[in-house]
């Protein structure tokens, strides 16, 4: 940690790590919606709350910042899970053939 502070690399490391954390969440959203649907939103809420708590109780600035980024990426994922379902409905992403979707019920009711 002293090396990072001495050479002013802490901000750069936080920036790179933020980029990687956010990038990691993109495929997580796609896979979570594919296999679990929108009912997994509470898991991301739990991860976000735990990340916030961890960020608040950690004294290390690097770990605290990365937990903060992780937690708010988890909160953002909740929104993205529901938007991913809309993208699947539009045909932009593949449907999971083993699942039923809310709009499948709507189609059956109108027929």
N, C-alpha and C. Protein backbone atom coordinates (compact mmCIF):
# COMPACT_ATOMS: atom_id res chain seq x y z
N UNK A 1 0.83 -1.19 0.00
CA UNK A 1 0.00 0.00 0.00
C UNK A 1 0.88 1.26 0.00
N UNK A 2 1.96 1.20 0.71
CA UNK A 2 2.87 2.35 0.74
C UNK A 2 3.44 2.63 -0.65
N UNK A 3 3.73 1.57 -1.39
CA UNK A 3 4.23 1.73 -2.75
C UNK A 3 3.22 2.49 -3.60
N UNK A 4 1.94 2.10 -3.48
CA UNK A 4 0.88 2.75 -4.26
C UNK A 4 0.76 4.22 -3.89
N UNK A 5 0.85 4.52 -2.59
CA UNK A 5 0.75 5.91 -2.15
C UNK A 5 1.98 6.71 -2.58
N UNK A 6 3.14 6.11 -2.43
CA UNK A 6 4.39 6.81 -2.75
C UNK A 6 4.46 7.20 -4.22
N UNK A 7 4.01 6.33 -5.08
CA UNK A 7 4.07 6.59 -6.51
C UNK A 7 2.75 7.09 -7.09
N UNK A 8 1.83 7.45 -6.21
CA UNK A 8 0.53 8.03 -6.61
C UNK A 8 -0.23 7.11 -7.58
N UNK A 9 -0.23 5.84 -7.27
CA UNK A 9 -0.88 4.85 -8.13
C UNK A 9 -2.22 4.36 -7.58
N UNK A 10 -2.59 4.81 -6.38
CA UNK A 10 -3.82 4.32 -5.76
C UNK A 10 -5.05 4.66 -6.59
N UNK A 11 -5.14 5.89 -7.06
CA UNK A 11 -6.27 6.29 -7.89
C UNK A 11 -6.34 5.50 -9.19
N UNK A 12 -5.19 5.27 -9.79
CA UNK A 12 -5.15 4.49 -11.02
C UNK A 12 -5.61 3.05 -10.78
N UNK A 13 -5.17 2.46 -9.68
CA UNK A 13 -5.57 1.09 -9.35
C UNK A 13 -7.08 1.02 -9.07
N UNK A 14 -7.61 2.02 -8.38
CA UNK A 14 -9.06 2.05 -8.12
C UNK A 14 -9.81 2.20 -9.44
N UNK A 15 -9.32 3.04 -10.34
CA UNK A 15 -9.97 3.22 -11.64
C UNK A 15 -9.98 1.95 -12.47
N UNK A 16 -8.85 1.28 -12.54
CA UNK A 16 -8.76 0.03 -13.31
C UNK A 16 -9.65 -1.04 -12.69
N UNK A 17 -9.63 -1.12 -11.36
CA UNK A 17 -10.47 -2.11 -10.67
C UNK A 17 -11.95 -1.82 -10.87
N UNK A 18 -12.33 -0.54 -10.86
CA UNK A 18 -13.71 -0.16 -11.10
C UNK A 18 -14.14 -0.61 -12.49
N UNK A 19 -13.30 -0.36 -13.47
CA UNK A 19 -13.57 -0.78 -14.84
C UNK A 19 -13.79 -2.29 -14.90
N UNK A 20 -12.94 -3.06 -14.22
CA UNK A 20 -13.05 -4.52 -14.25
C UNK A 20 -14.30 -5.01 -13.51
N UNK A 21 -14.63 -4.39 -12.39
CA UNK A 21 -15.82 -4.79 -11.64
C UNK A 21 -17.07 -4.55 -12.48
N UNK A 22 -17.18 -3.36 -13.06
CA UNK A 22 -18.34 -3.05 -13.89
C UNK A 22 -18.40 -3.99 -15.09
N UNK A 23 -17.25 -4.25 -15.70
CA UNK A 23 -17.20 -5.17 -16.83
C UNK A 23 -17.60 -6.58 -16.45
N UNK A 24 -17.30 -6.99 -15.24
CA UNK A 24 -17.68 -8.32 -14.76
C UNK A 24 -19.19 -8.43 -14.59
N UNK A 25 -19.84 -7.35 -14.23
CA UNK A 25 -21.28 -7.40 -13.98
C UNK A 25 -22.10 -7.52 -15.27
N UNK A 26 -21.57 -7.13 -16.41
CA UNK A 26 -22.35 -7.25 -17.65
C UNK A 26 -22.71 -8.69 -17.97
N UNK A 27 -21.75 -9.62 -18.03
CA UNK A 27 -22.15 -11.01 -18.28
C UNK A 27 -22.93 -11.62 -17.13
N UNK A 28 -22.71 -11.14 -15.89
CA UNK A 28 -23.47 -11.64 -14.75
C UNK A 28 -24.95 -11.34 -14.93
N UNK A 29 -25.27 -10.14 -15.41
CA UNK A 29 -26.67 -9.76 -15.65
C UNK A 29 -27.29 -10.70 -16.68
N UNK A 30 -26.58 -10.94 -17.76
CA UNK A 30 -27.11 -11.79 -18.84
C UNK A 30 -27.35 -13.21 -18.34
N UNK A 31 -26.36 -13.77 -17.64
CA UNK A 31 -26.49 -15.15 -17.15
C UNK A 31 -27.55 -15.26 -16.05
N UNK A 32 -27.59 -14.28 -15.16
CA UNK A 32 -28.57 -14.34 -14.07
C UNK A 32 -29.99 -14.29 -14.62
N UNK A 33 -30.23 -13.41 -15.58
CA UNK A 33 -31.58 -13.35 -16.16
C UNK A 33 -31.89 -14.62 -16.93
N UNK A 34 -30.92 -15.16 -17.64
CA UNK A 34 -31.15 -16.37 -18.44
C UNK A 34 -31.53 -17.55 -17.55
N UNK A 35 -30.78 -17.76 -16.48
CA UNK A 35 -31.01 -18.93 -15.64
C UNK A 35 -32.02 -18.71 -14.52
N UNK A 36 -32.09 -17.50 -13.98
CA UNK A 36 -32.92 -17.26 -12.80
C UNK A 36 -34.07 -16.30 -13.03
N UNK A 37 -34.02 -15.55 -14.11
CA UNK A 37 -35.06 -14.55 -14.36
C UNK A 37 -34.90 -13.36 -13.43
N UNK A 38 -35.95 -12.59 -13.31
CA UNK A 38 -35.88 -11.38 -12.48
C UNK A 38 -36.05 -11.69 -11.00
N UNK A 39 -36.40 -12.92 -10.66
CA UNK A 39 -36.61 -13.24 -9.25
C UNK A 39 -35.31 -13.23 -8.43
N UNK A 40 -34.18 -13.09 -9.06
CA UNK A 40 -32.90 -13.06 -8.34
C UNK A 40 -32.49 -11.64 -7.94
N UNK A 41 -33.36 -10.67 -8.14
CA UNK A 41 -32.99 -9.28 -7.82
C UNK A 41 -32.61 -9.12 -6.35
N UNK A 42 -33.26 -9.86 -5.47
CA UNK A 42 -32.99 -9.73 -4.04
C UNK A 42 -31.56 -10.15 -3.69
N UNK A 43 -30.99 -11.08 -4.47
CA UNK A 43 -29.62 -11.50 -4.23
C UNK A 43 -28.66 -10.34 -4.46
N UNK A 44 -28.91 -9.56 -5.50
CA UNK A 44 -28.07 -8.40 -5.78
C UNK A 44 -28.29 -7.29 -4.75
N UNK A 45 -29.50 -7.20 -4.23
CA UNK A 45 -29.77 -6.25 -3.14
C UNK A 45 -28.96 -6.64 -1.91
N UNK A 46 -28.97 -7.93 -1.58
CA UNK A 46 -28.22 -8.42 -0.43
C UNK A 46 -26.72 -8.18 -0.62
N UNK A 47 -26.20 -8.50 -1.80
CA UNK A 47 -24.79 -8.26 -2.08
C UNK A 47 -24.44 -6.77 -1.96
N UNK A 48 -25.33 -5.92 -2.44
CA UNK A 48 -25.11 -4.48 -2.35
C UNK A 48 -25.08 -3.99 -0.92
N UNK A 49 -26.02 -4.45 -0.11
CA UNK A 49 -26.06 -4.04 1.30
C UNK A 49 -24.82 -4.54 2.03
N UNK A 50 -24.44 -5.79 1.78
CA UNK A 50 -23.22 -6.31 2.41
C UNK A 50 -21.98 -5.54 1.97
N UNK A 51 -21.94 -5.16 0.71
CA UNK A 51 -20.82 -4.35 0.22
C UNK A 51 -20.76 -2.99 0.89
N UNK A 52 -21.90 -2.36 1.09
CA UNK A 52 -21.94 -1.06 1.76
C UNK A 52 -21.46 -1.20 3.21
N UNK A 53 -21.96 -2.22 3.89
CA UNK A 53 -21.53 -2.45 5.28
C UNK A 53 -20.02 -2.70 5.33
N UNK A 54 -19.54 -3.55 4.43
CA UNK A 54 -18.10 -3.82 4.38
C UNK A 54 -17.29 -2.57 4.10
N UNK A 55 -17.78 -1.75 3.20
CA UNK A 55 -17.08 -0.51 2.86
C UNK A 55 -17.02 0.43 4.06
N UNK A 56 -18.08 0.47 4.84
CA UNK A 56 -18.13 1.36 6.00
C UNK A 56 -17.25 0.91 7.15
N UNK A 57 -17.06 -0.39 7.31
CA UNK A 57 -16.28 -0.87 8.46
C UNK A 57 -14.81 -1.13 8.12
N UNK A 58 -14.44 -0.98 6.86
CA UNK A 58 -13.06 -1.24 6.44
C UNK A 58 -12.25 0.05 6.51
N UNK A 59 -11.10 -0.01 7.13
CA UNK A 59 -10.24 1.16 7.25
C UNK A 59 -9.35 1.36 6.02
N UNK A 60 -9.05 0.28 5.31
CA UNK A 60 -8.18 0.37 4.14
C UNK A 60 -8.93 1.07 3.02
N UNK A 61 -8.40 2.19 2.54
CA UNK A 61 -9.08 3.01 1.54
C UNK A 61 -9.29 2.26 0.22
N UNK A 62 -8.33 1.45 -0.18
CA UNK A 62 -8.45 0.70 -1.42
C UNK A 62 -9.59 -0.32 -1.33
N UNK A 63 -9.59 -1.11 -0.28
CA UNK A 63 -10.63 -2.12 -0.11
C UNK A 63 -12.00 -1.46 0.07
N UNK A 64 -12.05 -0.37 0.84
CA UNK A 64 -13.29 0.34 1.06
C UNK A 64 -13.86 0.88 -0.26
N UNK A 65 -13.01 1.47 -1.09
CA UNK A 65 -13.45 2.01 -2.38
C UNK A 65 -13.95 0.89 -3.29
N UNK A 66 -13.23 -0.22 -3.33
CA UNK A 66 -13.63 -1.33 -4.20
C UNK A 66 -14.92 -1.99 -3.71
N UNK A 67 -15.11 -2.07 -2.41
CA UNK A 67 -16.38 -2.59 -1.89
C UNK A 67 -17.52 -1.64 -2.23
N UNK A 68 -17.26 -0.35 -2.20
CA UNK A 68 -18.27 0.63 -2.60
C UNK A 68 -18.65 0.47 -4.06
N UNK A 69 -17.67 0.31 -4.91
CA UNK A 69 -17.94 0.11 -6.34
C UNK A 69 -18.71 -1.19 -6.55
N UNK A 70 -18.30 -2.23 -5.85
CA UNK A 70 -18.98 -3.52 -5.96
C UNK A 70 -20.43 -3.40 -5.51
N UNK A 71 -20.65 -2.74 -4.38
CA UNK A 71 -22.01 -2.66 -3.85
C UNK A 71 -22.93 -1.87 -4.77
N UNK A 72 -22.47 -0.75 -5.30
CA UNK A 72 -23.35 0.02 -6.16
C UNK A 72 -23.48 -0.60 -7.55
N UNK A 73 -22.51 -1.38 -7.95
CA UNK A 73 -22.69 -2.17 -9.17
C UNK A 73 -23.75 -3.24 -8.96
N UNK A 74 -23.81 -3.79 -7.76
CA UNK A 74 -24.85 -4.77 -7.42
C UNK A 74 -26.23 -4.11 -7.44
N UNK A 75 -26.33 -2.91 -6.88
CA UNK A 75 -27.61 -2.19 -6.91
C UNK A 75 -28.03 -1.89 -8.35
N UNK A 76 -27.08 -1.47 -9.17
CA UNK A 76 -27.39 -1.16 -10.57
C UNK A 76 -27.84 -2.42 -11.32
N UNK A 77 -27.30 -3.56 -10.92
CA UNK A 77 -27.65 -4.82 -11.56
C UNK A 77 -29.13 -5.14 -11.39
N UNK A 78 -29.73 -4.72 -10.30
CA UNK A 78 -31.16 -4.95 -10.08
C UNK A 78 -31.95 -4.33 -11.24
N UNK A 79 -31.64 -3.10 -11.57
CA UNK A 79 -32.29 -2.42 -12.69
C UNK A 79 -32.00 -3.14 -14.00
N UNK A 80 -30.75 -3.53 -14.17
CA UNK A 80 -30.34 -4.17 -15.43
C UNK A 80 -31.00 -5.54 -15.62
N UNK A 81 -31.25 -6.28 -14.54
CA UNK A 81 -31.91 -7.59 -14.65
C UNK A 81 -33.29 -7.42 -15.30
N UNK A 82 -34.04 -6.40 -14.84
CA UNK A 82 -35.38 -6.18 -15.40
C UNK A 82 -35.29 -5.66 -16.84
N UNK A 83 -34.30 -4.85 -17.12
CA UNK A 83 -34.12 -4.39 -18.50
C UNK A 83 -33.65 -5.52 -19.41
N UNK A 84 -32.87 -6.44 -18.86
CA UNK A 84 -32.43 -7.59 -19.65
C UNK A 84 -33.62 -8.44 -20.04
N UNK A 85 -34.59 -8.59 -19.15
CA UNK A 85 -35.79 -9.34 -19.49
C UNK A 85 -36.52 -8.68 -20.66
N UNK A 86 -36.55 -7.36 -20.69
CA UNK A 86 -37.17 -6.64 -21.82
C UNK A 86 -36.37 -6.89 -23.10
N UNK A 87 -35.05 -6.93 -22.99
CA UNK A 87 -34.23 -7.18 -24.18
C UNK A 87 -34.47 -8.59 -24.71
N UNK A 88 -34.68 -9.55 -23.80
CA UNK A 88 -35.00 -10.92 -24.22
C UNK A 88 -36.35 -10.93 -24.93
N UNK A 89 -37.31 -10.20 -24.39
CA UNK A 89 -38.65 -10.15 -24.98
C UNK A 89 -38.59 -9.56 -26.40
N UNK A 90 -37.71 -8.59 -26.60
CA UNK A 90 -37.56 -7.98 -27.92
C UNK A 90 -36.79 -8.88 -28.89
N UNK A 91 -36.19 -9.96 -28.37
CA UNK A 91 -35.45 -10.87 -29.22
C UNK A 91 -33.99 -10.51 -29.38
N UNK A 92 -33.50 -9.57 -28.60
CA UNK A 92 -32.10 -9.14 -28.70
C UNK A 92 -31.15 -10.13 -28.03
N UNK A 93 -31.68 -10.94 -27.08
CA UNK A 93 -30.90 -11.94 -26.39
C UNK A 93 -31.70 -13.24 -26.40
N UNK A 94 -31.02 -14.38 -26.30
CA UNK A 94 -31.74 -15.66 -26.38
C UNK A 94 -32.59 -15.92 -25.14
N UNK A 95 -33.70 -16.61 -25.38
CA UNK A 95 -34.57 -17.05 -24.30
C UNK A 95 -34.06 -18.37 -23.76
N UNK A 96 -34.31 -18.61 -22.50
CA UNK A 96 -34.01 -19.90 -21.91
C UNK A 96 -35.22 -20.80 -22.17
N UNK A 97 -35.06 -21.86 -22.97
CA UNK A 97 -36.21 -22.71 -23.32
C UNK A 97 -36.78 -23.47 -22.12
N UNK A 98 -36.04 -23.54 -21.02
CA UNK A 98 -36.51 -24.27 -19.84
C UNK A 98 -37.33 -23.38 -18.91
N UNK A 99 -37.50 -22.11 -19.27
CA UNK A 99 -38.23 -21.18 -18.42
C UNK A 99 -39.48 -20.67 -19.11
N UNK A 100 -40.45 -20.27 -18.31
CA UNK A 100 -41.59 -19.55 -18.85
C UNK A 100 -41.39 -18.08 -18.50
N UNK A 101 -41.82 -17.22 -19.39
CA UNK A 101 -41.64 -15.78 -19.22
C UNK A 101 -42.99 -15.15 -18.97
N UNK A 102 -43.00 -14.00 -18.30
CA UNK A 102 -44.28 -13.34 -18.00
C UNK A 102 -45.11 -13.04 -19.24
N UNK A 103 -44.47 -12.70 -20.32
CA UNK A 103 -45.23 -12.38 -21.53
C UNK A 103 -45.79 -13.63 -22.21
N UNK A 104 -45.28 -14.81 -21.87
CA UNK A 104 -45.88 -16.06 -22.39
C UNK A 104 -47.29 -16.22 -21.84
N UNK A 105 -47.49 -15.89 -20.58
CA UNK A 105 -48.82 -15.96 -19.96
C UNK A 105 -49.76 -14.95 -20.58
N UNK A 106 -49.25 -13.77 -20.90
CA UNK A 106 -50.07 -12.74 -21.53
C UNK A 106 -50.54 -13.20 -22.90
N UNK A 107 -49.68 -13.88 -23.64
CA UNK A 107 -50.06 -14.38 -24.97
C UNK A 107 -51.15 -15.44 -24.85
N UNK A 108 -51.03 -16.32 -23.87
CA UNK A 108 -52.02 -17.38 -23.71
C UNK A 108 -53.38 -16.81 -23.28
N UNK A 109 -53.39 -15.75 -22.51
CA UNK A 109 -54.65 -15.17 -22.05
C UNK A 109 -55.40 -14.46 -23.18
N UNK A 110 -54.66 -13.91 -24.15
CA UNK A 110 -55.31 -13.17 -25.24
C UNK A 110 -55.79 -14.09 -26.35
N UNK A 111 -55.32 -15.31 -26.37
CA UNK A 111 -55.70 -16.24 -27.45
C UNK A 111 -57.04 -16.88 -27.19
